[in-house]
C-alpha atoms as a PDB file:
ATOM      1  CA  MET A   1      29.515  97.047  47.558  1.00  0.00           C
ATOM      2  CA  TYR A   2      27.816 100.434  47.863  1.00  0.00           C
ATOM      3  CA  GLY A   3      29.281 102.923  50.287  1.00  0.00           C
ATOM      4  CA  VAL A   4      32.706 101.302  50.266  1.00  0.00           C
ATOM      5  CA  ASN A   5      35.597 103.477  49.140  1.00  0.00           C
ATOM      6  CA  THR A   6      37.149 101.589  46.249  1.00  0.00           C
ATOM      7  CA  VAL A   7      39.646 104.279  45.231  1.00  0.00           C
ATOM      8  CA  PRO A   8      43.082 102.624  45.190  1.00  0.00           C
ATOM      9  CA  ALA A   9      45.747 103.925  47.516  1.00  0.00           C
ATOM     10  CA  PRO A  10      48.174 106.362  45.886  1.00  0.00           C
ATOM     11  CA  LYS A  11      51.212 104.736  44.372  1.00  0.00           C
ATOM     12  CA  PHE A  12      54.698 106.122  44.884  1.00  0.00           C
ATOM     13  CA  SER A  13      57.906 105.321  43.087  1.00  0.00           C
ATOM     14  CA  THR A  14      60.755 103.707  44.998  1.00  0.00           C
ATOM     15  CA  GLU A  15      62.516 107.063  45.241  1.00  0.00           C
ATOM     16  CA  GLU A  16      59.342 108.815  46.420  1.00  0.00           C
ATOM     17  CA  GLN A  17      58.726 106.184  49.098  1.00  0.00           C
ATOM     18  CA  GLN A  18      62.267 106.494  50.381  1.00  0.00           C
ATOM     19  CA  ARG A  19      61.983 110.285  50.472  1.00  0.00           C
ATOM     20  CA  LYS A  20      58.710 110.086  52.386  1.00  0.00           C
ATOM     21  CA  ILE A  21      60.269 107.737  54.934  1.00  0.00           C
ATOM     22  CA  ILE A  22      63.325 109.948  55.435  1.00  0.00           C
ATOM     23  CA  ASP A  23      61.186 113.082  55.761  1.00  0.00           C
ATOM     24  CA  ALA A  24      58.966 111.290  58.274  1.00  0.00           C
ATOM     25  CA  ALA A  25      62.025 110.188  60.241  1.00  0.00           C
ATOM     26  CA  VAL A  26      63.216 113.793  60.420  1.00  0.00           C
ATOM     27  CA  GLU A  27      59.850 114.843  61.853  1.00  0.00           C
ATOM     28  CA  CYS A  28      59.941 112.008  64.390  1.00  0.00           C
ATOM     29  CA  ILE A  29      63.472 112.873  65.492  1.00  0.00           C
ATOM     30  CA  LEU A  30      62.620 116.550  65.845  1.00  0.00           C
ATOM     31  CA  ALA A  31      59.735 115.514  68.106  1.00  0.00           C
ATOM     32  CA  SER A  32      61.919 113.147  70.157  1.00  0.00           C
ATOM     33  CA  SER A  33      65.582 112.363  69.467  1.00  0.00           C
ATOM     34  CA  VAL A  34      67.889 110.357  67.234  1.00  0.00           C
ATOM     35  CA  THR A  35      67.964 107.576  69.812  1.00  0.00           C
ATOM     36  CA  SER A  36      64.267 107.364  70.697  1.00  0.00           C
ATOM     37  CA  PHE A  37      62.345 107.458  67.400  1.00  0.00           C
ATOM     38  CA  THR A  38      60.773 104.174  66.275  1.00  0.00           C
ATOM     39  CA  MET A  39      60.125 102.492  62.944  1.00  0.00           C
ATOM     40  CA  ALA A  40      56.411 102.320  63.771  1.00  0.00           C
ATOM     41  CA  LYS A  41      56.211 106.078  64.259  1.00  0.00           C
ATOM     42  CA  VAL A  42      58.101 106.661  61.030  1.00  0.00           C
ATOM     43  CA  ALA A  43      55.678 104.401  59.138  1.00  0.00           C
ATOM     44  CA  SER A  44      52.684 106.168  60.653  1.00  0.00           C
ATOM     45  CA  LYS A  45      54.083 109.614  59.897  1.00  0.00           C
ATOM     46  CA  SER A  46      54.996 108.685  56.318  1.00  0.00           C
ATOM     47  CA  GLY A  47      51.564 107.218  55.557  1.00  0.00           C
ATOM     48  CA  LEU A  48      53.198 104.006  54.365  1.00  0.00           C
ATOM     49  CA  SER A  49      52.838 100.481  55.693  1.00  0.00           C
ATOM     50  CA  MET A  50      55.488  98.908  57.894  1.00  0.00           C
ATOM     51  CA  GLY A  51      56.149  96.505  55.042  1.00  0.00           C
ATOM     52  CA  SER A  52      56.917  99.394  52.699  1.00  0.00           C
ATOM     53  CA  VAL A  53      59.251 100.952  55.248  1.00  0.00           C
ATOM     54  CA  TYR A  54      61.118  97.666  55.748  1.00  0.00           C
ATOM     55  CA  LYS A  55      61.619  97.333  51.991  1.00  0.00           C
ATOM     56  CA  HIS A  56      63.902 100.368  52.212  1.00  0.00           C
ATOM     57  CA  PHE A  57      65.197 100.256  55.783  1.00  0.00           C
ATOM     58  CA  GLN A  58      65.477  97.024  57.755  1.00  0.00           C
ATOM     59  CA  CYS A  59      66.097  98.779  61.084  1.00  0.00           C
ATOM     60  CA  LYS A  60      66.215 102.258  62.584  1.00  0.00           C
ATOM     61  CA  GLU A  61      70.012 102.162  62.291  1.00  0.00           C
ATOM     62  CA  ASP A  62      69.550 102.096  58.507  1.00  0.00           C
ATOM     63  CA  ILE A  63      67.491 105.272  58.737  1.00  0.00           C
ATOM     64  CA  VAL A  64      70.167 106.886  60.899  1.00  0.00           C
ATOM     65  CA  MET A  65      72.775 105.983  58.287  1.00  0.00           C
ATOM     66  CA  ALA A  66      70.584 107.352  55.498  1.00  0.00           C
ATOM     67  CA  LEU A  67      70.192 110.647  57.355  1.00  0.00           C
ATOM     68  CA  ALA A  68      73.916 110.744  58.144  1.00  0.00           C
ATOM     69  CA  PHE A  69      74.665 110.136  54.466  1.00  0.00           C
ATOM     70  CA  GLU A  70      72.408 113.034  53.495  1.00  0.00           C
ATOM     71  CA  SER A  71      74.040 115.277  56.094  1.00  0.00           C
ATOM     72  CA  PHE A  72      77.556 114.322  55.025  1.00  0.00           C
ATOM     73  CA  SER A  73      76.687 114.786  51.343  1.00  0.00           C
ATOM     74  CA  HIS A  74      75.543 118.327  52.127  1.00  0.00           C
ATOM     75  CA  ILE A  75      78.798 119.097  53.948  1.00  0.00           C
ATOM     76  CA  THR A  76      80.817 117.679  51.055  1.00  0.00           C
ATOM     77  CA  SER A  77      78.866 119.853  48.615  1.00  0.00           C
ATOM     78  CA  VAL A  78      79.721 122.986  50.606  1.00  0.00           C
ATOM     79  CA  PHE A  79      83.384 121.969  50.804  1.00  0.00           C
ATOM     80  CA  GLN A  80      83.354 121.428  47.041  1.00  0.00           C
ATOM     81  CA  GLN A  81      82.113 124.974  46.506  1.00  0.00           C
ATOM     82  CA  ILE A  82      84.919 126.351  48.667  1.00  0.00           C
ATOM     83  CA  LEU A  83      87.558 124.256  46.923  1.00  0.00           C
ATOM     84  CA  ASP A  84      86.264 125.543  43.575  1.00  0.00           C
ATOM     85  CA  LEU A  85      86.969 129.174  44.525  1.00  0.00           C
ATOM     86  CA  GLU A  86      89.905 131.001  42.934  1.00  0.00           C
ATOM     87  CA  LEU A  87      92.058 130.753  46.042  1.00  0.00           C
ATOM     88  CA  SER A  88      95.487 129.348  46.804  1.00  0.00           C
ATOM     89  CA  THR A  89      95.672 126.012  48.588  1.00  0.00           C
ATOM     90  CA  PRO A  90      96.475 127.579  52.011  1.00  0.00           C
ATOM     91  CA  GLU A  91      93.563 129.985  51.522  1.00  0.00           C
ATOM     92  CA  LYS A  92      91.171 127.150  50.699  1.00  0.00           C
ATOM     93  CA  ILE A  93      92.164 125.222  53.822  1.00  0.00           C
ATOM     94  CA  ILE A  94      91.656 128.185  56.157  1.00  0.00           C
ATOM     95  CA  ALA A  95      88.439 129.149  54.320  1.00  0.00           C
ATOM     96  CA  ILE A  96      86.872 125.835  55.329  1.00  0.00           C
ATOM     97  CA  SER A  97      87.704 126.582  58.973  1.00  0.00           C
ATOM     98  CA  LEU A  98      86.066 129.998  58.629  1.00  0.00           C
ATOM     99  CA  LEU A  99      82.744 128.671  57.308  1.00  0.00           C
ATOM    100  CA  SER A 100      79.658 129.326  59.391  1.00  0.00           C
ATOM    101  CA  PRO A 101      78.572 126.045  61.045  1.00  0.00           C
ATOM    102  CA  GLU A 102      75.001 126.906  60.016  1.00  0.00           C
ATOM    103  CA  LYS A 103      76.004 126.642  56.355  1.00  0.00           C
ATOM    104  CA  LEU A 104      77.237 123.103  56.961  1.00  0.00           C
ATOM    105  CA  GLN A 105      74.090 122.053  58.790  1.00  0.00           C
ATOM    106  CA  ARG A 106      71.586 119.817  56.992  1.00  0.00           C
ATOM    107  CA  PHE A 107      69.445 118.945  60.029  1.00  0.00           C
ATOM    108  CA  PRO A 108      69.052 120.644  63.425  1.00  0.00           C
ATOM    109  CA  PHE A 109      70.198 117.386  65.023  1.00  0.00           C
ATOM    110  CA  ASP A 110      73.348 116.931  62.900  1.00  0.00           C
ATOM    111  CA  SER A 111      75.661 116.722  65.917  1.00  0.00           C
ATOM    112  CA  GLU A 112      73.570 114.047  67.631  1.00  0.00           C
ATOM    113  CA  LEU A 113      73.220 112.249  64.298  1.00  0.00           C
ATOM    114  CA  GLU A 114      76.981 112.202  63.736  1.00  0.00           C
ATOM    115  CA  SER A 115      77.652 110.773  67.198  1.00  0.00           C
ATOM    116  CA  PHE A 116      75.020 108.050  66.784  1.00  0.00           C
ATOM    117  CA  ALA A 117      75.986 107.157  63.203  1.00  0.00           C
ATOM    118  CA  THR A 118      79.645 106.642  64.165  1.00  0.00           C
ATOM    119  CA  ASN A 119      78.800 104.457  67.159  1.00  0.00           C
ATOM    120  CA  ASP A 120      80.257 100.943  66.823  1.00  0.00           C
ATOM    121  CA  ALA A 121      76.982  99.203  67.679  1.00  0.00           C
ATOM    122  CA  VAL A 122      75.024 101.266  65.148  1.00  0.00           C
ATOM    123  CA  ILE A 123      77.539 100.603  62.386  1.00  0.00           C
ATOM    124  CA  ARG A 124      77.464  96.859  63.082  1.00  0.00           C
ATOM    125  CA  LYS A 125      73.658  96.681  63.166  1.00  0.00           C
ATOM    126  CA  ALA A 126      72.990  98.750  60.041  1.00  0.00           C
ATOM    127  CA  THR A 127      72.779  96.804  56.789  1.00  0.00           C
ATOM    128  CA  PRO A 128      75.741  96.793  54.361  1.00  0.00           C
ATOM    129  CA  ARG A 129      73.841  98.892  51.820  1.00  0.00           C
ATOM    130  CA  TRP A 130      73.708 101.948  54.075  1.00  0.00           C
ATOM    131  CA  THR A 131      77.068 101.531  55.790  1.00  0.00           C
ATOM    132  CA  GLN A 132      78.703 101.226  52.377  1.00  0.00           C
ATOM    133  CA  LYS A 133      77.044 104.447  51.210  1.00  0.00           C
ATOM    134  CA  MET A 134      78.629 106.241  54.175  1.00  0.00           C
ATOM    135  CA  ILE A 135      82.001 104.612  53.524  1.00  0.00           C
ATOM    136  CA  ASP A 136      81.869 105.614  49.853  1.00  0.00           C
ATOM    137  CA  ALA A 137      80.810 109.161  50.740  1.00  0.00           C
ATOM    138  CA  GLY A 138      83.710 109.524  53.160  1.00  0.00           C
ATOM    139  CA  ALA A 139      86.159 108.132  50.631  1.00  0.00           C
ATOM    140  CA  GLY A 140      84.816 110.494  47.976  1.00  0.00           C
ATOM    141  CA  CYS A 141      85.212 113.536  50.206  1.00  0.00           C
ATOM    142  CA  GLU A 142      88.739 112.497  51.168  1.00  0.00           C
ATOM    143  CA  ALA A 143      89.659 111.943  47.518  1.00  0.00           C
ATOM    144  CA  MET A 144      88.354 115.412  46.657  1.00  0.00           C
ATOM    145  CA  PHE A 145      90.551 117.047  49.294  1.00  0.00           C
ATOM    146  CA  LYS A 146      93.594 115.036  48.268  1.00  0.00           C
ATOM    147  CA  ALA A 147      93.099 115.941  44.611  1.00  0.00           C
ATOM    148  CA  ARG A 148      92.915 119.668  45.378  1.00  0.00           C
ATOM    149  CA  LEU A 149      95.977 119.569  47.630  1.00  0.00           C
ATOM    150  CA  SER A 150      97.823 117.655  44.940  1.00  0.00           C
ATOM    151  CA  ASP A 151      96.808 120.318  42.403  1.00  0.00           C
ATOM    152  CA  GLY A 152      98.396 122.959  44.642  1.00  0.00           C
ATOM    153  CA  ILE A 153     101.656 121.042  44.802  1.00  0.00           C
ATOM    154  CA  LYS A 154     101.687 120.551  41.032  1.00  0.00           C
ATOM    155  CA  ALA A 155     101.103 124.293  40.622  1.00  0.00           C
ATOM    156  CA  ASP A 156     104.379 124.892  42.490  1.00  0.00           C
ATOM    157  CA  GLU A 157     102.702 126.578  45.448  1.00  0.00           C
ATOM    158  CA  LEU A 158     105.418 125.131  47.692  1.00  0.00           C
ATOM    159  CA  VAL A 159     108.934 126.569  47.853  1.00  0.00           C
ATOM    160  CA  GLN A 160     110.558 123.145  48.080  1.00  0.00           C
ATOM    161  CA  SER A 161     109.607 119.625  47.140  1.00  0.00           C
ATOM    162  CA  VAL A 162     107.846 117.447  49.697  1.00  0.00           C
ATOM    163  CA  ASN A 163     106.697 113.858  49.960  1.00  0.00           C
ATOM    164  CA  VAL A 164     103.293 114.417  48.364  1.00  0.00           C
ATOM    165  CA  ASP A 165     101.462 111.521  50.029  1.00  0.00           C
ATOM    166  CA  GLU A 166     102.825 112.324  53.496  1.00  0.00           C
ATOM    167  CA  PHE A 167     102.114 116.032  53.115  1.00  0.00           C
ATOM    168  CA  ILE A 168      98.516 115.470  52.019  1.00  0.00           C
ATOM    169  CA  GLU A 169      97.858 112.958  54.802  1.00  0.00           C
ATOM    170  CA  GLU A 170      99.405 115.206  57.461  1.00  0.00           C
ATOM    171  CA  ILE A 171      97.582 118.403  56.639  1.00  0.00           C
ATOM    172  CA  THR A 172      94.254 116.686  55.911  1.00  0.00           C
ATOM    173  CA  VAL A 173      94.153 114.627  59.104  1.00  0.00           C
ATOM    174  CA  SER A 174      95.596 117.403  61.281  1.00  0.00           C
ATOM    175  CA  SER A 175      93.198 120.118  60.117  1.00  0.00           C
ATOM    176  CA  TRP A 176      90.218 117.753  60.300  1.00  0.00           C
ATOM    177  CA  ALA A 177      91.150 116.609  63.805  1.00  0.00           C
ATOM    178  CA  MET A 178      91.537 120.208  64.974  1.00  0.00           C
ATOM    179  CA  MET A 179      88.122 121.213  63.654  1.00  0.00           C
ATOM    180  CA  VAL A 180      86.321 118.176  65.088  1.00  0.00           C
ATOM    181  CA  GLY A 181      88.141 118.479  68.395  1.00  0.00           C
ATOM    182  CA  HIS A 182      87.358 122.181  68.623  1.00  0.00           C
ATOM    183  CA  GLU A 183      83.643 121.496  68.263  1.00  0.00           C
ATOM    184  CA  ARG A 184      83.787 118.911  71.048  1.00  0.00           C
ATOM    185  CA  VAL A 185      85.652 121.306  73.351  1.00  0.00           C
ATOM    186  CA  LEU A 186      83.129 124.070  72.648  1.00  0.00           C
ATOM    187  CA  ARG A 187      80.256 121.763  73.560  1.00  0.00           C
ATOM    188  CA  ILE A 188      81.899 120.977  76.880  1.00  0.00           C
ATOM    189  CA  GLN A 189      82.675 124.627  77.567  1.00  0.00           C
ATOM    190  CA  GLN A 190      79.143 125.710  76.693  1.00  0.00           C
ATOM    191  CA  SER A 191      77.209 122.927  78.442  1.00  0.00           C
ATOM    192  CA  LYS A 192      75.393 125.447  80.630  1.00  0.00           C
ATOM    193  CA  GLN A 193      74.548 127.653  77.643  1.00  0.00           C
ATOM    194  CA  ILE A 194      73.286 124.632  75.683  1.00  0.00           C
ATOM    195  CA  ILE A 195      70.839 123.874  78.503  1.00  0.00           C
ATOM    196  CA  GLU A 196      69.764 127.524  78.608  1.00  0.00           C
ATOM    197  CA  GLY A 197      69.500 127.768  74.824  1.00  0.00           C
ATOM    198  CA  THR A 198      72.091 130.553  74.625  1.00  0.00           C
ATOM    199  CA  ALA A 199      75.017 128.598  73.152  1.00  0.00           C
ATOM    200  CA  THR A 200      76.968 130.134  70.274  1.00  0.00           C
ATOM    201  CA  LEU A 201      77.993 126.885  68.612  1.00  0.00           C
ATOM    202  CA  SER A 202      76.539 127.960  65.255  1.00  0.00           C
ATOM    203  CA  ALA A 203      78.372 131.287  65.130  1.00  0.00           C
ATOM    204  CA  PRO A 204      81.232 131.590  62.607  1.00  0.00           C
ATOM    205  CA  LEU A 205      84.676 131.891  64.152  1.00  0.00           C
ATOM    206  CA  ASP A 206      86.470 135.224  64.326  1.00  0.00           C
ATOM    207  CA  VAL A 207      89.978 135.440  62.871  1.00  0.00           C
ATOM    208  CA  ASN A 208      91.358 135.869  66.396  1.00  0.00           C
ATOM    209  CA  GLU A 209      89.773 132.670  67.742  1.00  0.00           C
ATOM    210  CA  PRO A 210      92.281 130.090  69.081  1.00  0.00           C
ATOM    211  CA  LEU A 211      91.315 127.512  66.438  1.00  0.00           C
ATOM    212  CA  ILE A 212      91.896 129.928  63.553  1.00  0.00           C
ATOM    213  CA  ARG A 213      95.228 131.089  64.979  1.00  0.00           C
ATOM    214  CA  SER A 214      96.263 127.450  65.419  1.00  0.00           C
ATOM    215  CA  MET A 215      95.115 126.546  61.908  1.00  0.00           C
ATOM    216  CA  ILE A 216      97.157 129.407  60.456  1.00  0.00           C
ATOM    217  CA  ARG A 217     100.241 128.169  62.324  1.00  0.00           C
ATOM    218  CA  LEU A 218      99.642 124.624  61.087  1.00  0.00           C
ATOM    219  CA  ILE A 219      99.186 125.716  57.476  1.00  0.00           C
ATOM    220  CA  ASN A 220     102.180 128.084  57.554  1.00  0.00           C
ATOM    221  CA  SER A 221     104.408 125.348  58.981  1.00  0.00           C
ATOM    222  CA  TYR A 222     104.678 124.108  55.396  1.00  0.00           C
ATOM    223  CA  PRO A 223     106.942 125.928  52.885  1.00  0.00           C
ATOM    224  CA  TRP A 224     104.317 127.794  50.835  1.00  0.00           C
ATOM    225  CA  GLN A 225     105.319 130.385  48.281  1.00  0.00           C
ATOM    226  CA  GLN A 226     102.639 132.631  49.791  1.00  0.00           C
ATOM    227  CA  PRO A 227     101.997 131.863  53.471  1.00  0.00           C
ATOM    228  CA  LEU A 228      98.808 133.080  55.109  1.00  0.00           C
ATOM    229  CA  THR A 229      98.786 136.568  56.609  1.00  0.00           C
ATOM    230  CA  LEU A 230      96.183 138.321  58.738  1.00  0.00           C
ATOM    231  CA  GLN A 231      95.358 140.496  55.742  1.00  0.00           C
ATOM    232  CA  THR A 232      94.804 137.397  53.604  1.00  0.00           C
ATOM    233  CA  VAL A 233      92.576 135.768  56.208  1.00  0.00           C
ATOM    234  CA  ASN A 234      90.485 138.935  56.582  1.00  0.00           C
ATOM    235  CA  ARG A 235      90.054 139.022  52.805  1.00  0.00           C
ATOM    236  CA  ILE A 236      88.801 135.432  52.873  1.00  0.00           C
ATOM    237  CA  VAL A 237      86.327 136.309  55.632  1.00  0.00           C
ATOM    238  CA  SER A 238      84.981 139.130  53.453  1.00  0.00           C
ATOM    239  CA  LEU A 239      84.712 136.795  50.454  1.00  0.00           C
ATOM    240  CA  LEU A 240      82.873 134.111  52.425  1.00  0.00           C
ATOM    241  CA  THR A 241      80.493 136.726  53.818  1.00  0.00           C
ATOM    242  CA  GLU A 242      79.844 138.056  50.322  1.00  0.00           C
ATOM    243  CA  LEU A 243      79.114 134.520  49.077  1.00  0.00           C
ATOM    244  CA  ASN A 244      76.780 133.887  52.046  1.00  0.00           C
ATOM    245  CA  PHE A 245      79.021 131.258  53.617  1.00  0.00           C
ATOM    246  CA  ARG A 246      79.220 133.258  56.868  1.00  0.00           C
END
């Protein structure tokens, strides 16, 4: 029929469709929040049909998990770069604590995303495909840390022998808990500044900050051949700054 546009709609590969949906979800969340965006808005923003969206994500919780996976993968990549540096094991552990939060950020809403993606109801509602991707990503990151700590032990960085499995579990869980807990405390302390838009949550920590001092004490509580010193920590700060990690 004359005057009717018969040009077929553009075709996208499976990977391209998924990327368009995720990018559209990011735009929707930036315009609202992690909790209030809808599948319909994502479909509209992506230019794809609802059917196409549901082929990849059966619910908004799947999209949240996909975004959380992307965010966590970015963080793991940064950690990998730090663990690849020519540093001793104690230096690598404290270097991660000294990273600028901005360098770990994949999305402006990472904090909100993390809270939502680890919510029990969200995890239960998301489909196994996306929850498993997050589980595998977490296991991969943990395995990476354990392997590097094990390398340090095998390189005789400790003065005396230790129970390898217990040592790795202790220092990994303890340092992780301190970093996560510190962020939560900062958010409570800076509630007023968050409202005003003057919070300093993205600023890298100074070597004299309570968390860094506590991390140094934790790390040095183990019998390293070369314990951390203030001079060592300052050198790491300079290195991270030079490498654009601060």
